[in-house]
Amino acid sequence: MTPVTWVDVFATGPMTGNQLAVVGDADGLSDDKMGHIAAEFGISETTFVCTAREGGDHRVRIFTPESELPMAGHPLVGTAWVLHNAGLMAGRGVLETGVGPLSVQADRAGGNMIQAPPEAGALLDPEELASACGAAAGETAPARVWSTGVPQAMFAVADDAALADAEPDLAALRRLGERDGWIGISAYSLIAASHGVARVRVRHFAPGLGISEDPVTGSAAGALGACLAAAGLAEAGALELTVWQGAMLRRPGRVDVAVDAPGGDPREVSVGGRVLPVMEGRLVDV
């Protein structure tokens, strides 16, 4: 039987943050079986821990209910925590992913990961995104595709009220993502920013992955950190960003993002947060 550990990642308390199922000893599972298991669980992502191939501690595959992802934030942070607390990885380790080996850390309280190098993509039409998100556009940073492993659209909205009242047209967002090459969109409102420290509220929509709204999104939080650092919010070459997400889904979460941005050019992004265990069990007849 195959072990499964269910955790809440980027949690602010019990039953908050983003849910994650970590399936261990997954070498014998086919791609099709992994996809079916992820669909059965029905949460935003499920990880499958396999034997490392490139000198890392473990290889991790990440599935949504509809597809496989090369990298994602809360799945890798949560998987690092599970492996460390099961005695299968030291406090610092390397997980092999679809974007290459990534450094992770974990302790009893939570985990942290260094994401893939940030990349700025195409500029986007803010009014087009505003119409699809059902929220007035803001001016914090240009609407743009950013990636720290997977391409995400970053879209500033006018204020907190606009974010809370957003009514996204999921079909329109899916079409825009397919056209412009991004897998999800972070609509965000800047709460405060000064001296290289900022706080934002976020809602993230990824209908192309079968996720209407994600509770807390680590890959997008990292990409948003890069976006805001490039927009001038970094000071002395660094930005510390706190991302609050999930309140609209009654799963409030917090992601702590650190961006190394010499001269305002984002070079390295790490994301981390609290991880809480929910349950353990085993898959049968898989």
Protein backbone atom coordinates (compact mmCIF):
# COMPACT_ATOMS: atom_id res chain seq x y z
CA MET A 1 0.00 0.00 0.00
CA THR A 2 1.17 3.52 -0.86
CA PRO A 3 1.60 6.10 1.94
CA VAL A 4 -0.19 9.45 1.77
CA THR A 5 0.26 12.48 4.02
CA TRP A 6 -2.24 15.36 3.86
CA VAL A 7 -1.03 18.77 5.01
CA ASP A 8 -2.08 22.43 4.93
CA VAL A 9 0.64 24.66 3.47
CA PHE A 10 1.08 28.41 4.09
CA ALA A 11 -1.40 27.92 6.92
CA THR A 12 -2.39 30.56 9.46
CA GLY A 13 -4.09 27.99 11.70
CA PRO A 14 -5.82 24.60 11.52
CA MET A 15 -7.69 23.96 8.27
CA THR A 16 -6.30 27.07 6.54
CA GLY A 17 -3.85 27.69 3.72
CA ASN A 18 -3.68 25.34 0.74
CA GLN A 19 -4.31 21.62 0.97
CA LEU A 20 -1.71 19.17 -0.29
CA ALA A 21 -1.60 15.39 -0.56
CA VAL A 22 1.91 13.91 -0.64
CA VAL A 23 2.08 10.39 -2.08
CA GLY A 24 5.25 8.52 -1.15
CA ASP A 25 7.03 5.58 -2.78
CA ALA A 26 5.57 6.58 -6.14
CA ASP A 27 8.16 5.03 -8.50
CA GLY A 28 5.77 2.27 -9.51
CA LEU A 29 2.89 4.56 -10.44
CA SER A 30 2.26 5.38 -14.10
CA ASP A 31 1.60 8.91 -15.32
CA ASP A 32 -2.02 7.95 -15.92
CA LYS A 33 -2.38 6.56 -12.40
CA MET A 34 -0.89 9.71 -10.86
CA GLY A 35 -3.37 11.80 -12.81
CA HIS A 36 -6.28 9.67 -11.66
CA ILE A 37 -5.16 9.85 -8.02
CA ALA A 38 -4.87 13.64 -8.19
CA ALA A 39 -8.34 13.86 -9.74
CA GLU A 40 -9.70 11.56 -7.01
CA PHE A 41 -8.32 13.82 -4.27
CA GLY A 42 -9.79 16.85 -6.06
CA ILE A 43 -7.55 19.46 -4.44
CA SER A 44 -5.40 21.95 -6.33
CA GLU A 45 -2.24 19.80 -6.29
CA THR A 46 -0.99 16.37 -5.30
CA THR A 47 2.70 15.44 -5.24
CA PHE A 48 4.32 12.09 -5.93
CA VAL A 49 7.72 11.39 -4.37
CA CYS A 50 10.04 9.33 -6.56
CA THR A 51 13.68 8.27 -6.54
CA ALA A 52 16.10 11.06 -7.49
CA ARG A 53 17.74 10.88 -10.91
CA GLU A 54 20.16 13.84 -10.85
CA GLY A 55 21.81 13.71 -7.44
CA GLY A 56 19.03 15.38 -5.46
CA ASP A 57 17.34 13.99 -2.37
CA HIS A 58 14.11 13.07 -4.15
CA ARG A 59 12.30 13.64 -7.42
CA VAL A 60 8.87 15.26 -7.05
CA ARG A 61 6.08 15.22 -9.63
CA ILE A 62 3.15 17.59 -9.24
CA PHE A 63 -0.36 17.01 -10.58
CA THR A 64 -3.50 19.14 -10.57
CA PRO A 65 -6.84 17.40 -11.16
CA GLU A 66 -6.31 17.99 -14.90
CA SER A 67 -2.59 18.10 -15.69
CA GLU A 68 1.01 17.84 -14.52
CA LEU A 69 2.98 20.94 -13.51
CA PRO A 70 6.76 21.33 -13.81
CA MET A 71 6.95 23.33 -10.58
CA ALA A 72 4.62 24.78 -7.95
CA GLY A 73 5.21 26.52 -4.64
CA HIS A 74 2.98 25.05 -1.97
CA PRO A 75 3.49 21.46 -3.23
CA LEU A 76 7.28 21.68 -2.93
CA VAL A 77 7.24 23.50 0.42
CA GLY A 78 4.74 20.98 1.80
CA THR A 79 6.57 17.97 0.37
CA ALA A 80 9.86 19.18 1.86
CA TRP A 81 8.15 19.44 5.25
CA VAL A 82 6.67 15.94 4.97
CA LEU A 83 9.98 14.39 3.93
CA HIS A 84 11.94 16.16 6.66
CA ASN A 85 9.52 15.29 9.43
CA ALA A 86 9.39 11.66 8.27
CA GLY A 87 13.19 11.48 8.57
CA LEU A 88 13.61 11.14 4.79
CA MET A 89 15.43 14.43 4.21
CA ALA A 90 17.68 16.69 6.25
CA GLY A 91 16.70 20.24 7.16
CA ARG A 92 18.24 21.40 3.89
CA GLY A 93 17.83 19.45 0.70
CA VAL A 94 17.34 19.41 -3.04
CA LEU A 95 14.17 18.31 -4.79
CA GLU A 96 14.26 17.46 -8.49
CA THR A 97 11.41 19.06 -10.45
CA GLY A 98 10.33 19.66 -14.00
CA VAL A 99 12.33 22.92 -14.02
CA GLY A 100 15.43 21.31 -12.53
CA PRO A 101 16.75 20.80 -9.00
CA LEU A 102 15.49 23.32 -6.43
CA SER A 103 16.84 23.98 -2.94
CA VAL A 104 14.44 23.54 -0.03
CA GLN A 105 14.52 23.86 3.75
CA ALA A 106 12.19 22.48 6.39
CA ASP A 107 11.80 22.28 10.15
CA ARG A 108 8.94 21.30 12.44
CA ALA A 109 7.11 24.59 11.84
CA GLY A 110 7.21 24.89 8.07
CA GLY A 111 9.27 25.04 4.91
CA ASN A 112 10.95 27.27 2.38
CA MET A 113 12.13 26.93 -1.22
CA ILE A 114 14.29 28.87 -3.65
CA GLN A 115 12.38 29.09 -6.89
CA ALA A 116 13.68 29.06 -10.45
CA PRO A 117 15.35 32.31 -11.60
CA PRO A 118 12.72 35.00 -12.24
CA GLU A 119 11.88 35.87 -15.82
CA ALA A 120 9.79 38.76 -17.13
CA GLY A 121 7.47 37.86 -20.00
CA ALA A 122 5.10 39.76 -22.23
CA LEU A 123 3.30 42.91 -21.19
CA LEU A 124 -0.48 42.41 -21.04
CA ASP A 125 -3.48 44.65 -21.65
CA PRO A 126 -4.73 45.71 -18.18
CA GLU A 127 -8.19 46.63 -19.45
CA GLU A 128 -8.57 43.23 -21.08
CA LEU A 129 -7.59 41.57 -17.81
CA ALA A 130 -9.86 43.90 -15.84
CA SER A 131 -12.82 42.83 -17.95
CA ALA A 132 -12.00 39.12 -17.57
CA CYS A 133 -11.36 39.41 -13.82
CA GLY A 134 -14.38 41.62 -13.17
CA ALA A 135 -12.24 44.14 -11.28
CA ALA A 136 -10.98 47.66 -12.00
CA ALA A 137 -7.27 47.85 -12.83
CA GLY A 138 -4.76 49.49 -10.51
CA GLU A 139 -1.35 51.05 -11.15
CA THR A 140 1.02 49.31 -8.73
CA ALA A 141 2.99 47.58 -11.50
CA PRO A 142 2.48 46.89 -15.21
CA ALA A 143 0.25 43.93 -16.06
CA ARG A 144 2.76 41.34 -17.19
CA VAL A 145 3.66 37.67 -17.35
CA TRP A 146 6.25 36.72 -14.74
CA SER A 147 7.73 33.31 -14.01
CA THR A 148 9.77 31.74 -11.23
CA GLY A 149 9.28 28.32 -12.78
CA VAL A 150 5.86 28.60 -14.39
CA PRO A 151 4.40 31.63 -16.25
CA GLN A 152 1.79 33.59 -14.31
CA ALA A 153 -0.05 36.82 -15.12
CA MET A 154 0.33 39.61 -12.55
CA PHE A 155 -2.58 42.07 -12.48
CA ALA A 156 -2.89 44.97 -10.03
CA VAL A 157 -6.46 45.89 -9.09
CA ALA A 158 -7.62 49.27 -7.86
CA ASP A 159 -8.02 48.46 -4.15
CA ASP A 160 -9.12 45.85 -1.61
CA ALA A 161 -12.80 46.39 -2.37
CA ALA A 162 -12.22 45.75 -6.07
CA LEU A 163 -10.36 42.56 -5.21
CA ALA A 164 -13.05 41.28 -2.87
CA ASP A 165 -15.82 42.08 -5.35
CA ALA A 166 -14.07 40.57 -8.38
CA GLU A 167 -16.27 38.22 -10.39
CA PRO A 168 -13.96 36.50 -12.87
CA ASP A 169 -15.13 35.23 -16.22
CA LEU A 170 -13.29 31.90 -16.06
CA ALA A 171 -13.85 31.06 -19.72
CA ALA A 172 -12.39 34.41 -20.77
CA LEU A 173 -9.40 33.96 -18.46
CA ARG A 174 -8.77 30.50 -19.86
CA ARG A 175 -8.79 31.88 -23.41
CA LEU A 176 -6.41 34.72 -22.50
CA GLY A 177 -4.04 32.35 -20.74
CA GLU A 178 -3.94 30.01 -23.72
CA ARG A 179 -3.37 32.93 -26.09
CA ASP A 180 -0.72 34.73 -24.05
CA GLY A 181 1.08 31.75 -22.51
CA TRP A 182 0.29 31.92 -18.79
CA ILE A 183 -1.26 29.25 -16.58
CA GLY A 184 -2.86 31.41 -13.86
CA ILE A 185 -3.50 35.02 -12.94
CA SER A 186 -2.84 36.76 -9.64
CA ALA A 187 -5.16 39.72 -9.08
CA TYR A 188 -3.59 41.68 -6.23
CA SER A 189 -4.10 44.75 -4.10
CA LEU A 190 -1.16 46.52 -2.47
CA ILE A 191 -1.81 47.03 1.26
CA ALA A 192 1.39 48.86 2.21
CA ALA A 193 4.95 49.31 0.99
CA SER A 194 7.97 51.14 2.40
CA HIS A 195 11.71 50.62 2.83
CA GLY A 196 11.79 47.36 0.89
CA VAL A 197 8.92 45.74 2.80
CA ALA A 198 5.47 45.25 1.28
CA ARG A 199 2.17 43.50 1.95
CA VAL A 200 -0.44 42.47 -0.61
CA ARG A 201 -3.75 40.67 -0.80
CA VAL A 202 -4.18 38.23 -3.67
CA ARG A 203 -6.77 36.14 -5.44
CA HIS A 204 -5.47 33.62 -7.96
CA PHE A 205 -7.47 32.08 -10.80
CA ALA A 206 -6.21 29.16 -12.91
CA PRO A 207 -9.18 27.74 -14.86
CA GLY A 208 -6.85 26.27 -17.49
CA LEU A 209 -5.57 23.89 -14.80
CA GLY A 210 -9.04 23.04 -13.52
CA ILE A 211 -8.63 25.43 -10.57
CA SER A 212 -11.30 28.14 -10.51
CA GLU A 213 -9.66 29.89 -7.56
CA ASP A 214 -6.61 28.65 -5.68
CA PRO A 215 -6.49 29.15 -1.90
CA VAL A 216 -2.78 30.09 -1.65
CA THR A 217 -0.31 29.98 -4.55
CA GLY A 218 3.41 29.80 -3.84
CA SER A 219 4.68 29.93 -7.43
CA ALA A 220 2.57 33.00 -8.12
CA ALA A 221 3.62 34.62 -4.84
CA GLY A 222 7.24 34.30 -5.93
CA ALA A 223 6.46 35.68 -9.37
CA LEU A 224 4.62 38.60 -7.76
CA GLY A 225 7.65 39.32 -5.60
CA ALA A 226 9.78 39.57 -8.73
CA CYS A 227 7.15 41.75 -10.40
CA LEU A 228 7.01 44.22 -7.50
CA ALA A 229 10.79 44.31 -7.06
CA ALA A 230 11.16 45.21 -10.74
CA ALA A 231 8.47 47.88 -10.32
CA GLY A 232 10.61 49.72 -7.75
CA LEU A 233 9.46 48.31 -4.41
CA ALA A 234 12.84 46.78 -3.60
CA GLU A 235 15.20 48.87 -1.49
CA ALA A 236 18.94 48.30 -1.05
CA GLY A 237 18.61 45.44 -3.50
CA ALA A 238 15.99 43.43 -1.62
CA LEU A 239 12.25 43.08 -1.11
CA GLU A 240 10.44 41.33 1.73
CA LEU A 241 6.87 40.63 0.66
CA THR A 242 4.00 39.18 2.69
CA VAL A 243 1.22 37.70 0.57
CA TRP A 244 -2.20 37.21 2.15
CA GLN A 245 -4.48 34.93 0.13
CA GLY A 246 -7.40 32.57 0.57
CA ALA A 247 -9.76 34.62 2.73
CA MET A 248 -12.49 34.56 0.07
CA LEU A 249 -12.39 30.75 0.20
CA ARG A 250 -12.38 30.63 4.01
CA ARG A 251 -8.83 29.26 3.90
CA PRO A 252 -6.68 32.27 4.81
CA GLY A 253 -2.99 31.77 4.17
CA ARG A 254 0.29 33.64 4.33
CA VAL A 255 3.34 33.36 2.09
CA ASP A 256 6.62 35.02 3.06
CA VAL A 257 8.56 36.02 -0.05
CA ALA A 258 12.15 37.28 -0.19
CA VAL A 259 13.56 38.75 -3.39
CA ASP A 260 17.22 39.46 -4.04
CA ALA A 261 17.09 42.34 -6.54
CA PRO A 262 20.38 44.21 -6.98
CA GLY A 263 19.67 47.47 -8.75
CA GLY A 264 15.97 46.56 -8.85
CA ASP A 265 16.65 43.53 -11.06
CA PRO A 266 15.12 40.40 -9.44
CA ARG A 267 17.69 37.60 -9.40
CA GLU A 268 16.60 35.11 -6.71
CA VAL A 269 13.23 34.47 -5.08
CA SER A 270 12.40 32.32 -2.07
CA VAL A 271 8.98 31.55 -0.62
CA GLY A 272 8.09 29.94 2.67
CA GLY A 273 5.47 29.49 5.31
CA ARG A 274 3.87 27.36 7.97
CA VAL A 275 2.86 23.74 7.35
CA LEU A 276 0.33 21.86 9.49
CA PRO A 277 -0.40 18.12 9.30
CA VAL A 278 -3.99 17.03 8.75
CA MET A 279 -3.99 13.25 8.30
CA GLU A 280 -1.98 10.22 7.26
CA GLY A 281 -3.09 7.08 5.47
CA ARG A 282 -2.42 4.66 2.63
CA LEU A 283 -3.76 4.21 -0.85
CA VAL A 284 -4.99 0.69 -1.55
CA ASP A 285 -5.20 -1.17 -4.86
CA VAL A 286 -3.44 1.52 -6.87
